[in-house]
Amino acid sequence: MKILFGINLIQFQMIKKILLELTHFTIILVLLALMQHQDLLDSPLIRLEQMQTDGNFLHPFLWAFGVYFIVLVFRLIVNSIMRVIRKR
């Protein structure tokens, strides 16, 4: 069954899941950045210039990935438990 631009239903569902997970990662990234650096709300350009001079562009993504991974494992455990409960 073709939906749009030659993408079938299974591919569409997978794209939807990937976009949902990217949204979760982006939300975690923004929340962590705002919690760790409150000055991002006041003067984001100064913070970005400081990141550029220090050369630490990667650390926000590493922190966000770590938290995302922990949340992902928690979600998988909860989903597994819910499946077992529903089968009973």
C-alpha atoms as a PDB file:
ATOM      1  CA  MET A   1       0.000   0.000   0.000  1.00  0.00           C
ATOM      2  CA  LYS A   2       1.584   3.276  -1.123  1.00  0.00           C
ATOM      3  CA  ILE A   3       0.938   6.386   0.937  1.00  0.00           C
ATOM      4  CA  LEU A   4       3.096   9.305  -0.095  1.00  0.00           C
ATOM      5  CA  PHE A   5       6.144   9.539  -2.380  1.00  0.00           C
ATOM      6  CA  GLY A   6       6.393   5.746  -2.566  1.00  0.00           C
ATOM      7  CA  ILE A   7       6.574   5.254   1.211  1.00  0.00           C
ATOM      8  CA  ASN A   8       4.584   2.291   2.487  1.00  0.00           C
ATOM      9  CA  LEU A   9       2.811   2.096   5.839  1.00  0.00           C
ATOM     10  CA  ILE A  10       5.651   0.348   7.697  1.00  0.00           C
ATOM     11  CA  GLN A  11       8.203   2.917   6.535  1.00  0.00           C
ATOM     12  CA  PHE A  12       5.838   5.723   7.516  1.00  0.00           C
ATOM     13  CA  GLN A  13       5.436   4.266  11.016  1.00  0.00           C
ATOM     14  CA  MET A  14       9.214   3.967  11.384  1.00  0.00           C
ATOM     15  CA  ILE A  15       9.747   7.565  10.280  1.00  0.00           C
ATOM     16  CA  LYS A  16       7.121   8.616  12.804  1.00  0.00           C
ATOM     17  CA  LYS A  17       8.935   6.735  15.608  1.00  0.00           C
ATOM     18  CA  ILE A  18      12.294   8.235  14.649  1.00  0.00           C
ATOM     19  CA  LEU A  19      10.846  11.745  14.669  1.00  0.00           C
ATOM     20  CA  LEU A  20       9.283  11.078  18.072  1.00  0.00           C
ATOM     21  CA  GLU A  21      12.629   9.914  19.505  1.00  0.00           C
ATOM     22  CA  LEU A  22      14.426  12.913  17.981  1.00  0.00           C
ATOM     23  CA  THR A  23      11.830  15.139  19.624  1.00  0.00           C
ATOM     24  CA  HIS A  24      12.470  13.474  22.985  1.00  0.00           C
ATOM     25  CA  PHE A  25      16.239  13.923  22.558  1.00  0.00           C
ATOM     26  CA  THR A  26      15.842  17.594  21.602  1.00  0.00           C
ATOM     27  CA  ILE A  27      13.604  18.279  24.601  1.00  0.00           C
ATOM     28  CA  ILE A  28      16.143  16.644  26.928  1.00  0.00           C
ATOM     29  CA  LEU A  29      18.967  18.633  25.305  1.00  0.00           C
ATOM     30  CA  VAL A  30      17.170  21.962  25.723  1.00  0.00           C
ATOM     31  CA  LEU A  31      16.048  21.236  29.292  1.00  0.00           C
ATOM     32  CA  LEU A  32      19.545  20.196  30.361  1.00  0.00           C
ATOM     33  CA  ALA A  33      21.078  23.248  28.707  1.00  0.00           C
ATOM     34  CA  LEU A  34      18.647  25.576  30.453  1.00  0.00           C
ATOM     35  CA  MET A  35      19.081  23.864  33.821  1.00  0.00           C
ATOM     36  CA  GLN A  36      22.884  23.963  33.676  1.00  0.00           C
ATOM     37  CA  HIS A  37      23.263  27.396  32.095  1.00  0.00           C
ATOM     38  CA  GLN A  38      20.586  29.828  33.215  1.00  0.00           C
ATOM     39  CA  ASP A  39      22.351  32.636  31.322  1.00  0.00           C
ATOM     40  CA  LEU A  40      21.157  31.085  28.055  1.00  0.00           C
ATOM     41  CA  LEU A  41      17.855  32.858  28.585  1.00  0.00           C
ATOM     42  CA  ASP A  42      19.508  36.244  29.175  1.00  0.00           C
ATOM     43  CA  SER A  43      22.332  36.241  26.643  1.00  0.00           C
ATOM     44  CA  PRO A  44      22.556  33.144  24.454  1.00  0.00           C
ATOM     45  CA  LEU A  45      25.065  34.688  22.050  1.00  0.00           C
ATOM     46  CA  ILE A  46      27.601  35.234  24.815  1.00  0.00           C
ATOM     47  CA  ARG A  47      27.253  31.586  25.880  1.00  0.00           C
ATOM     48  CA  LEU A  48      27.672  30.400  22.278  1.00  0.00           C
ATOM     49  CA  GLU A  49      30.769  32.582  21.838  1.00  0.00           C
ATOM     50  CA  GLN A  50      32.201  31.126  25.039  1.00  0.00           C
ATOM     51  CA  MET A  51      31.529  27.598  23.745  1.00  0.00           C
ATOM     52  CA  GLN A  52      33.309  28.511  20.508  1.00  0.00           C
ATOM     53  CA  THR A  53      36.390  29.889  22.256  1.00  0.00           C
ATOM     54  CA  ASP A  54      36.566  26.921  24.650  1.00  0.00           C
ATOM     55  CA  GLY A  55      35.940  24.434  21.830  1.00  0.00           C
ATOM     56  CA  ASN A  56      33.468  22.334  23.797  1.00  0.00           C
ATOM     57  CA  PHE A  57      30.676  21.759  21.304  1.00  0.00           C
ATOM     58  CA  LEU A  58      30.330  18.055  21.989  1.00  0.00           C
ATOM     59  CA  HIS A  59      29.676  17.938  25.730  1.00  0.00           C
ATOM     60  CA  PRO A  60      26.009  19.068  25.611  1.00  0.00           C
ATOM     61  CA  PHE A  61      25.208  16.246  23.189  1.00  0.00           C
ATOM     62  CA  LEU A  62      27.059  13.680  25.329  1.00  0.00           C
ATOM     63  CA  TRP A  63      25.169  14.729  28.464  1.00  0.00           C
ATOM     64  CA  ALA A  64      21.864  14.703  26.598  1.00  0.00           C
ATOM     65  CA  PHE A  65      22.594  11.271  25.120  1.00  0.00           C
ATOM     66  CA  GLY A  66      23.422   9.903  28.567  1.00  0.00           C
ATOM     67  CA  VAL A  67      20.157  11.162  30.055  1.00  0.00           C
ATOM     68  CA  TYR A  68      18.224  10.071  26.934  1.00  0.00           C
ATOM     69  CA  PHE A  69      19.698   6.565  27.243  1.00  0.00           C
ATOM     70  CA  ILE A  70      18.691   6.324  30.911  1.00  0.00           C
ATOM     71  CA  VAL A  71      15.154   7.499  30.081  1.00  0.00           C
ATOM     72  CA  LEU A  72      15.020   5.047  27.158  1.00  0.00           C
ATOM     73  CA  VAL A  73      15.998   2.092  29.353  1.00  0.00           C
ATOM     74  CA  PHE A  74      13.394   3.149  31.930  1.00  0.00           C
ATOM     75  CA  ARG A  75      10.724   3.392  29.211  1.00  0.00           C
ATOM     76  CA  LEU A  76      11.637  -0.059  27.856  1.00  0.00           C
ATOM     77  CA  ILE A  77      11.411  -1.607  31.334  1.00  0.00           C
ATOM     78  CA  VAL A  78       8.026   0.008  32.003  1.00  0.00           C
ATOM     79  CA  ASN A  79       6.711  -1.093  28.578  1.00  0.00           C
ATOM     80  CA  SER A  80       7.884  -4.668  29.200  1.00  0.00           C
ATOM     81  CA  ILE A  81       6.175  -4.756  32.588  1.00  0.00           C
ATOM     82  CA  MET A  82       2.974  -3.338  31.094  1.00  0.00           C
ATOM     83  CA  ARG A  83       2.965  -6.026  28.373  1.00  0.00           C
ATOM     84  CA  VAL A  84       3.286  -8.781  30.985  1.00  0.00           C
ATOM     85  CA  ILE A  85       0.455  -7.253  33.038  1.00  0.00           C
ATOM     86  CA  ARG A  86      -1.840  -6.916  29.994  1.00  0.00           C
ATOM     87  CA  LYS A  87      -1.326 -10.566  28.983  1.00  0.00           C
ATOM     88  CA  ARG A  88      -2.701 -11.788  32.324  1.00  0.00           C
END
